[in-house]
Amino acid sequence: MSEFLLSIKIESLEEGGYLATSDDLPELLAQGRTVAETLEIAQDVARKIVESYLDHGDPLPDALKTAIPAGVALEAKIPVSVAA
């Protein structure tokens, strides 16, 4: 199993909720009620898109041609929801 880093853009929607898109994988669109849910849905959608590329023998987008090398440390910001 390989893992890839995919850049995701998340924006809040006027009607509520969030939308995730990616310049690395233009087919990716995912919508959720929270940032965390949107990220989870985006991961699932991205996995299905990449699997479709592989199943059909299509070349992966350039951003997905290199898997995360072993021993590389990643830094990310994550959403944390707290009931007030």
N, C-alpha and C. Protein backbone atom coordinates (compact mmCIF):
# COMPACT_ATOMS: atom_id res chain seq x y z
N MET A 1 0.85 -1.18 0.00
CA MET A 1 0.00 0.00 0.00
C MET A 1 0.89 1.24 0.00
N SER A 2 0.57 2.21 -0.84
CA SER A 2 1.30 3.47 -0.90
C SER A 2 0.42 4.59 -0.36
N GLU A 3 1.07 5.58 0.22
CA GLU A 3 0.37 6.77 0.68
C GLU A 3 0.95 7.98 -0.01
N PHE A 4 0.09 8.90 -0.41
CA PHE A 4 0.49 10.11 -1.09
C PHE A 4 0.01 11.32 -0.31
N LEU A 5 0.74 12.43 -0.43
CA LEU A 5 0.28 13.69 0.14
C LEU A 5 -0.48 14.44 -0.93
N LEU A 6 -1.66 14.85 -0.60
CA LEU A 6 -2.54 15.55 -1.53
C LEU A 6 -2.90 16.91 -0.92
N SER A 7 -2.64 17.97 -1.64
CA SER A 7 -3.01 19.30 -1.15
C SER A 7 -4.52 19.47 -1.27
N ILE A 8 -5.14 19.91 -0.19
CA ILE A 8 -6.59 20.09 -0.12
C ILE A 8 -6.88 21.54 0.26
N LYS A 9 -7.86 22.11 -0.39
CA LYS A 9 -8.35 23.44 -0.03
C LYS A 9 -9.75 23.27 0.54
N ILE A 10 -10.00 23.81 1.73
CA ILE A 10 -11.32 23.71 2.35
C ILE A 10 -11.87 25.12 2.54
N GLU A 11 -13.07 25.33 2.05
CA GLU A 11 -13.71 26.63 2.21
C GLU A 11 -15.08 26.46 2.87
N SER A 12 -15.45 27.45 3.66
CA SER A 12 -16.77 27.40 4.28
C SER A 12 -17.80 27.88 3.26
N LEU A 13 -18.97 27.30 3.32
CA LEU A 13 -20.05 27.63 2.39
C LEU A 13 -21.05 28.56 3.06
N GLU A 14 -21.61 29.48 2.30
CA GLU A 14 -22.59 30.42 2.84
C GLU A 14 -23.79 29.72 3.46
N GLU A 15 -24.22 28.63 2.83
CA GLU A 15 -25.39 27.90 3.33
C GLU A 15 -25.05 26.96 4.49
N GLY A 16 -23.78 26.98 4.91
CA GLY A 16 -23.33 26.12 6.00
C GLY A 16 -22.53 24.95 5.46
N GLY A 17 -21.68 24.42 6.28
CA GLY A 17 -20.85 23.30 5.87
C GLY A 17 -19.59 23.77 5.17
N TYR A 18 -18.87 22.79 4.62
CA TYR A 18 -17.57 23.06 4.02
C TYR A 18 -17.42 22.28 2.72
N LEU A 19 -16.57 22.80 1.83
CA LEU A 19 -16.30 22.16 0.55
C LEU A 19 -14.80 21.98 0.41
N ALA A 20 -14.39 20.77 0.04
CA ALA A 20 -12.97 20.47 -0.19
C ALA A 20 -12.74 20.27 -1.68
N THR A 21 -11.67 20.89 -2.18
CA THR A 21 -11.23 20.71 -3.56
C THR A 21 -9.72 20.53 -3.54
N SER A 22 -9.15 20.14 -4.69
CA SER A 22 -7.72 19.94 -4.76
C SER A 22 -7.20 20.28 -6.15
N ASP A 23 -6.15 21.10 -6.21
CA ASP A 23 -5.49 21.35 -7.48
C ASP A 23 -4.69 20.13 -7.92
N ASP A 24 -4.27 19.31 -6.95
CA ASP A 24 -3.51 18.09 -7.25
C ASP A 24 -4.38 17.03 -7.92
N LEU A 25 -5.65 17.02 -7.59
CA LEU A 25 -6.60 16.03 -8.11
C LEU A 25 -7.89 16.78 -8.45
N PRO A 26 -7.95 17.40 -9.63
CA PRO A 26 -9.06 18.29 -9.98
C PRO A 26 -10.45 17.67 -9.90
N GLU A 27 -10.54 16.35 -10.00
CA GLU A 27 -11.85 15.68 -9.92
C GLU A 27 -12.42 15.67 -8.51
N LEU A 28 -11.60 15.97 -7.53
CA LEU A 28 -12.00 15.87 -6.13
C LEU A 28 -12.93 17.00 -5.71
N LEU A 29 -14.12 16.63 -5.26
CA LEU A 29 -15.08 17.54 -4.63
C LEU A 29 -15.67 16.78 -3.45
N ALA A 30 -15.62 17.36 -2.27
CA ALA A 30 -16.19 16.71 -1.09
C ALA A 30 -16.84 17.77 -0.21
N GLN A 31 -18.02 17.48 0.29
CA GLN A 31 -18.73 18.43 1.13
C GLN A 31 -19.12 17.75 2.43
N GLY A 32 -19.00 18.49 3.54
CA GLY A 32 -19.36 17.96 4.84
C GLY A 32 -19.88 19.05 5.75
N ARG A 33 -20.39 18.63 6.92
CA ARG A 33 -20.94 19.59 7.89
C ARG A 33 -19.86 20.26 8.71
N THR A 34 -18.74 19.55 8.94
CA THR A 34 -17.62 20.10 9.72
C THR A 34 -16.35 19.94 8.89
N VAL A 35 -15.30 20.62 9.31
CA VAL A 35 -14.01 20.49 8.62
C VAL A 35 -13.54 19.03 8.72
N ALA A 36 -13.65 18.44 9.91
CA ALA A 36 -13.19 17.06 10.10
C ALA A 36 -13.96 16.10 9.19
N GLU A 37 -15.27 16.25 9.13
CA GLU A 37 -16.07 15.38 8.28
C GLU A 37 -15.72 15.58 6.81
N THR A 38 -15.51 16.83 6.42
CA THR A 38 -15.15 17.14 5.04
C THR A 38 -13.81 16.50 4.67
N LEU A 39 -12.83 16.57 5.57
CA LEU A 39 -11.54 15.93 5.32
C LEU A 39 -11.68 14.42 5.18
N GLU A 40 -12.48 13.82 6.04
CA GLU A 40 -12.69 12.37 5.98
C GLU A 40 -13.33 11.97 4.64
N ILE A 41 -14.34 12.72 4.23
CA ILE A 41 -15.00 12.43 2.95
C ILE A 41 -14.03 12.65 1.80
N ALA A 42 -13.23 13.72 1.87
CA ALA A 42 -12.25 14.02 0.82
C ALA A 42 -11.23 12.88 0.68
N GLN A 43 -10.78 12.33 1.79
CA GLN A 43 -9.84 11.20 1.74
C GLN A 43 -10.48 10.01 1.03
N ASP A 44 -11.72 9.72 1.35
CA ASP A 44 -12.42 8.59 0.73
C ASP A 44 -12.61 8.82 -0.77
N VAL A 45 -13.02 10.03 -1.13
CA VAL A 45 -13.23 10.35 -2.55
C VAL A 45 -11.89 10.28 -3.30
N ALA A 46 -10.83 10.82 -2.71
CA ALA A 46 -9.51 10.79 -3.35
C ALA A 46 -9.05 9.35 -3.57
N ARG A 47 -9.24 8.50 -2.58
CA ARG A 47 -8.86 7.09 -2.70
C ARG A 47 -9.60 6.43 -3.87
N LYS A 48 -10.90 6.71 -3.98
CA LYS A 48 -11.69 6.11 -5.06
C LYS A 48 -11.25 6.64 -6.43
N ILE A 49 -10.91 7.92 -6.52
CA ILE A 49 -10.44 8.49 -7.78
C ILE A 49 -9.12 7.84 -8.18
N VAL A 50 -8.17 7.73 -7.23
CA VAL A 50 -6.87 7.12 -7.54
C VAL A 50 -7.05 5.66 -7.92
N GLU A 51 -7.91 4.93 -7.21
CA GLU A 51 -8.17 3.53 -7.57
C GLU A 51 -8.74 3.43 -8.98
N SER A 52 -9.58 4.37 -9.38
CA SER A 52 -10.14 4.37 -10.72
C SER A 52 -9.03 4.60 -11.76
N TYR A 53 -8.13 5.55 -11.49
CA TYR A 53 -6.97 5.76 -12.37
C TYR A 53 -6.23 4.43 -12.56
N LEU A 54 -5.92 3.77 -11.45
CA LEU A 54 -5.13 2.54 -11.50
C LEU A 54 -5.89 1.42 -12.19
N ASP A 55 -7.17 1.27 -11.89
CA ASP A 55 -7.99 0.21 -12.51
C ASP A 55 -8.07 0.36 -14.03
N HIS A 56 -8.07 1.61 -14.50
CA HIS A 56 -8.20 1.86 -15.94
C HIS A 56 -6.85 2.04 -16.64
N GLY A 57 -5.76 1.92 -15.87
CA GLY A 57 -4.43 2.06 -16.46
C GLY A 57 -4.08 3.47 -16.86
N ASP A 58 -4.78 4.45 -16.29
CA ASP A 58 -4.51 5.86 -16.59
C ASP A 58 -3.33 6.34 -15.75
N PRO A 59 -2.51 7.26 -16.28
CA PRO A 59 -1.40 7.78 -15.49
C PRO A 59 -1.90 8.66 -14.35
N LEU A 60 -1.25 8.57 -13.21
CA LEU A 60 -1.60 9.41 -12.07
C LEU A 60 -1.17 10.85 -12.33
N PRO A 61 -1.91 11.81 -11.77
CA PRO A 61 -1.46 13.20 -11.86
C PRO A 61 -0.05 13.33 -11.26
N ASP A 62 0.73 14.28 -11.76
CA ASP A 62 2.12 14.45 -11.32
C ASP A 62 2.25 14.53 -9.80
N ALA A 63 1.32 15.22 -9.14
CA ALA A 63 1.40 15.39 -7.68
C ALA A 63 1.29 14.07 -6.93
N LEU A 64 0.78 13.03 -7.57
CA LEU A 64 0.58 11.74 -6.90
C LEU A 64 1.56 10.66 -7.37
N LYS A 65 2.58 11.04 -8.10
CA LYS A 65 3.50 10.04 -8.64
C LYS A 65 4.57 9.62 -7.64
N THR A 66 4.72 10.35 -6.54
CA THR A 66 5.72 10.01 -5.55
C THR A 66 5.05 9.74 -4.20
N ALA A 67 5.26 8.54 -3.69
CA ALA A 67 4.71 8.17 -2.38
C ALA A 67 5.54 8.85 -1.29
N ILE A 68 4.97 8.94 -0.09
CA ILE A 68 5.68 9.53 1.05
C ILE A 68 6.84 8.61 1.41
N PRO A 69 8.08 9.12 1.37
CA PRO A 69 9.22 8.27 1.71
C PRO A 69 9.25 7.94 3.20
N ALA A 70 9.79 6.80 3.53
CA ALA A 70 9.92 6.39 4.93
C ALA A 70 10.82 7.37 5.67
N GLY A 71 10.51 7.63 6.92
CA GLY A 71 11.33 8.49 7.75
C GLY A 71 11.07 9.97 7.58
N VAL A 72 10.09 10.34 6.77
CA VAL A 72 9.78 11.75 6.57
C VAL A 72 8.77 12.20 7.62
N ALA A 73 9.05 13.32 8.28
CA ALA A 73 8.13 13.88 9.26
C ALA A 73 7.20 14.87 8.57
N LEU A 74 5.94 14.79 8.87
CA LEU A 74 4.94 15.69 8.29
C LEU A 74 4.38 16.60 9.36
N GLU A 75 4.04 17.81 8.97
CA GLU A 75 3.43 18.77 9.90
C GLU A 75 2.10 19.21 9.28
N ALA A 76 1.05 19.24 10.09
CA ALA A 76 -0.25 19.62 9.57
C ALA A 76 -1.06 20.31 10.66
N LYS A 77 -2.05 21.07 10.24
CA LYS A 77 -3.02 21.65 11.17
C LYS A 77 -4.26 20.79 11.08
N ILE A 78 -4.82 20.47 12.24
CA ILE A 78 -6.03 19.64 12.26
C ILE A 78 -7.15 20.39 12.97
N PRO A 79 -8.39 20.12 12.56
CA PRO A 79 -9.52 20.76 13.25
C PRO A 79 -9.82 20.06 14.58
N VAL A 80 -10.12 20.83 15.58
CA VAL A 80 -10.51 20.28 16.88
C VAL A 80 -11.80 20.99 17.30
N SER A 81 -12.89 20.24 17.40
CA SER A 81 -14.19 20.81 17.79
C SER A 81 -14.38 20.62 19.28
N VAL A 82 -14.83 21.68 19.95
CA VAL A 82 -15.06 21.64 21.39
C VAL A 82 -16.43 22.25 21.68
N ALA A 83 -17.27 21.52 22.40
CA ALA A 83 -18.57 22.05 22.77
C ALA A 83 -18.37 23.11 23.86
N ALA A 84 -18.93 24.27 23.64
CA ALA A 84 -18.75 25.36 24.61
C ALA A 84 -19.90 25.42 25.57
